[in-house]
Amino acid sequence: MPLTRDDASASYAIILHNVRTYRSAGVVVVVRGKQRAETTLKEFQEAQSSSDHHEGWRYFFEKTEMAAGTDPGEATDLRQADLELRESKEPQEIKPIISPSSSNHK
């Protein structure tokens, strides 16, 4: 499948996270272009120790507005702030209020 112009020029953050504990180790690198992101991701996966993989550590990439080459620590902080902002804008779950009289139907 051919890459779109957007895929080729967009930035992608490669992130390390643990699928068992849901803990994130943050952004590892920010690269330009989807193809470069796929290649870099594969390189990280191949270089990963088998013990880290067994413990649940995995890499994935996602499109980002950050510039390629952004410092990984700064990129992690920016990504976390963006996630928190998006979560704060999501509608809060509404929990039904159950009164004691409505739960005792006869």
Protein backbone atom coordinates (compact mmCIF):
# COMPACT_ATOMS: atom_id res chain seq x y z
CA MET A 1 0.00 0.00 0.00
CA PRO A 2 1.58 3.31 -1.04
CA LEU A 3 2.26 5.94 1.59
CA THR A 4 0.36 9.19 1.45
CA ARG A 5 2.17 12.51 1.51
CA ASP A 6 0.98 12.90 5.09
CA ASP A 7 2.43 9.51 6.09
CA ALA A 8 5.79 10.46 4.60
CA SER A 9 6.02 13.91 6.19
CA ALA A 10 4.33 13.32 9.57
CA SER A 11 6.26 12.63 12.76
CA TYR A 12 5.86 9.44 14.75
CA ALA A 13 6.79 8.77 18.37
CA ILE A 14 8.08 5.31 19.24
CA ILE A 15 7.02 4.39 22.75
CA LEU A 16 8.07 1.59 25.09
CA HIS A 17 5.37 0.22 27.39
CA ASN A 18 4.66 -2.90 29.40
CA VAL A 19 1.66 -4.93 28.27
CA ARG A 20 1.49 -6.76 31.59
CA THR A 21 1.64 -3.82 33.99
CA TYR A 22 0.37 -1.08 31.64
CA ARG A 23 3.41 0.97 32.71
CA SER A 24 4.94 3.26 30.12
CA ALA A 25 8.67 3.82 29.86
CA GLY A 26 7.94 6.81 27.65
CA VAL A 27 8.97 7.99 24.21
CA VAL A 28 12.17 6.41 22.94
CA VAL A 29 12.55 8.48 19.76
CA VAL A 30 10.57 10.74 17.43
CA VAL A 31 11.13 10.15 13.69
CA ARG A 32 9.77 11.62 10.47
CA GLY A 33 7.75 9.40 8.15
CA LYS A 34 5.71 6.27 8.70
CA GLN A 35 8.14 4.06 6.82
CA ARG A 36 11.02 5.29 9.01
CA ALA A 37 8.88 4.67 12.10
CA GLU A 38 8.18 1.09 10.99
CA THR A 39 11.87 0.46 10.28
CA THR A 40 13.01 2.01 13.57
CA LEU A 41 10.38 0.07 15.50
CA LYS A 42 11.61 -3.18 13.98
CA GLU A 43 15.22 -2.29 14.88
CA PHE A 44 14.23 -1.67 18.52
CA GLN A 45 12.32 -4.95 18.63
CA GLU A 46 15.24 -6.91 17.21
CA ALA A 47 17.69 -5.31 19.67
CA GLN A 48 15.42 -5.94 22.67
CA SER A 49 16.63 -8.56 25.14
CA SER A 50 14.52 -11.70 25.43
CA SER A 51 14.13 -11.10 29.18
CA ASP A 52 12.64 -7.61 28.60
CA HIS A 53 10.28 -9.06 26.01
CA HIS A 54 9.31 -11.88 28.37
CA GLU A 55 8.60 -9.32 31.12
CA GLY A 56 6.05 -7.66 28.79
CA TRP A 57 7.96 -4.69 27.35
CA ARG A 58 6.80 -3.80 23.84
CA TYR A 59 7.35 -0.97 21.39
CA PHE A 60 4.66 0.78 19.35
CA PHE A 61 4.47 4.00 17.39
CA GLU A 62 1.88 6.70 17.07
CA LYS A 63 1.51 9.81 14.96
CA THR A 64 2.50 13.00 16.78
CA GLU A 65 2.70 16.75 16.29
CA MET A 66 6.21 16.76 17.83
CA ALA A 67 9.17 17.45 15.58
CA ALA A 68 11.40 14.55 14.58
CA GLY A 69 14.45 14.49 16.82
CA THR A 70 12.66 15.89 19.89
CA ASP A 71 14.50 14.91 23.07
CA PRO A 72 12.92 11.67 24.40
CA GLY A 73 12.43 13.08 27.92
CA GLU A 74 10.77 16.21 26.60
CA ALA A 75 8.69 14.13 24.16
CA THR A 76 7.52 11.89 27.01
CA ASP A 77 6.45 14.94 29.06
CA LEU A 78 4.64 16.50 26.08
CA ARG A 79 2.87 13.22 25.27
CA GLN A 80 1.76 12.78 28.88
CA ALA A 81 0.42 16.34 29.02
CA ASP A 82 -1.47 15.75 25.76
CA LEU A 83 -2.98 12.49 27.07
CA GLU A 84 -4.09 14.19 30.28
CA LEU A 85 -5.66 17.06 28.31
CA ARG A 86 -7.56 14.64 26.04
CA GLU A 87 -8.80 12.65 29.05
CA SER A 88 -10.01 15.80 30.81
CA LYS A 89 -12.10 16.71 27.74
CA GLU A 90 -13.83 13.32 27.53
CA PRO A 91 -17.34 13.20 28.97
CA GLN A 92 -17.34 11.79 32.46
CA GLU A 93 -19.08 8.45 32.95
CA ILE A 94 -22.54 8.95 34.42
CA LYS A 95 -23.40 6.51 37.16
CA PRO A 96 -27.10 5.87 37.80
CA ILE A 97 -28.35 6.76 41.25
CA ILE A 98 -30.26 3.91 42.83
CA SER A 99 -32.43 4.80 45.79
CA PRO A 100 -33.10 2.16 48.43
CA SER A 101 -36.85 2.22 47.70
CA SER A 102 -36.36 1.57 43.96
CA SER A 103 -34.31 -1.55 44.58
CA ASN A 104 -36.99 -3.22 46.75
CA HIS A 105 -39.70 -3.86 44.19
CA LYS A 106 -42.48 -6.30 45.16
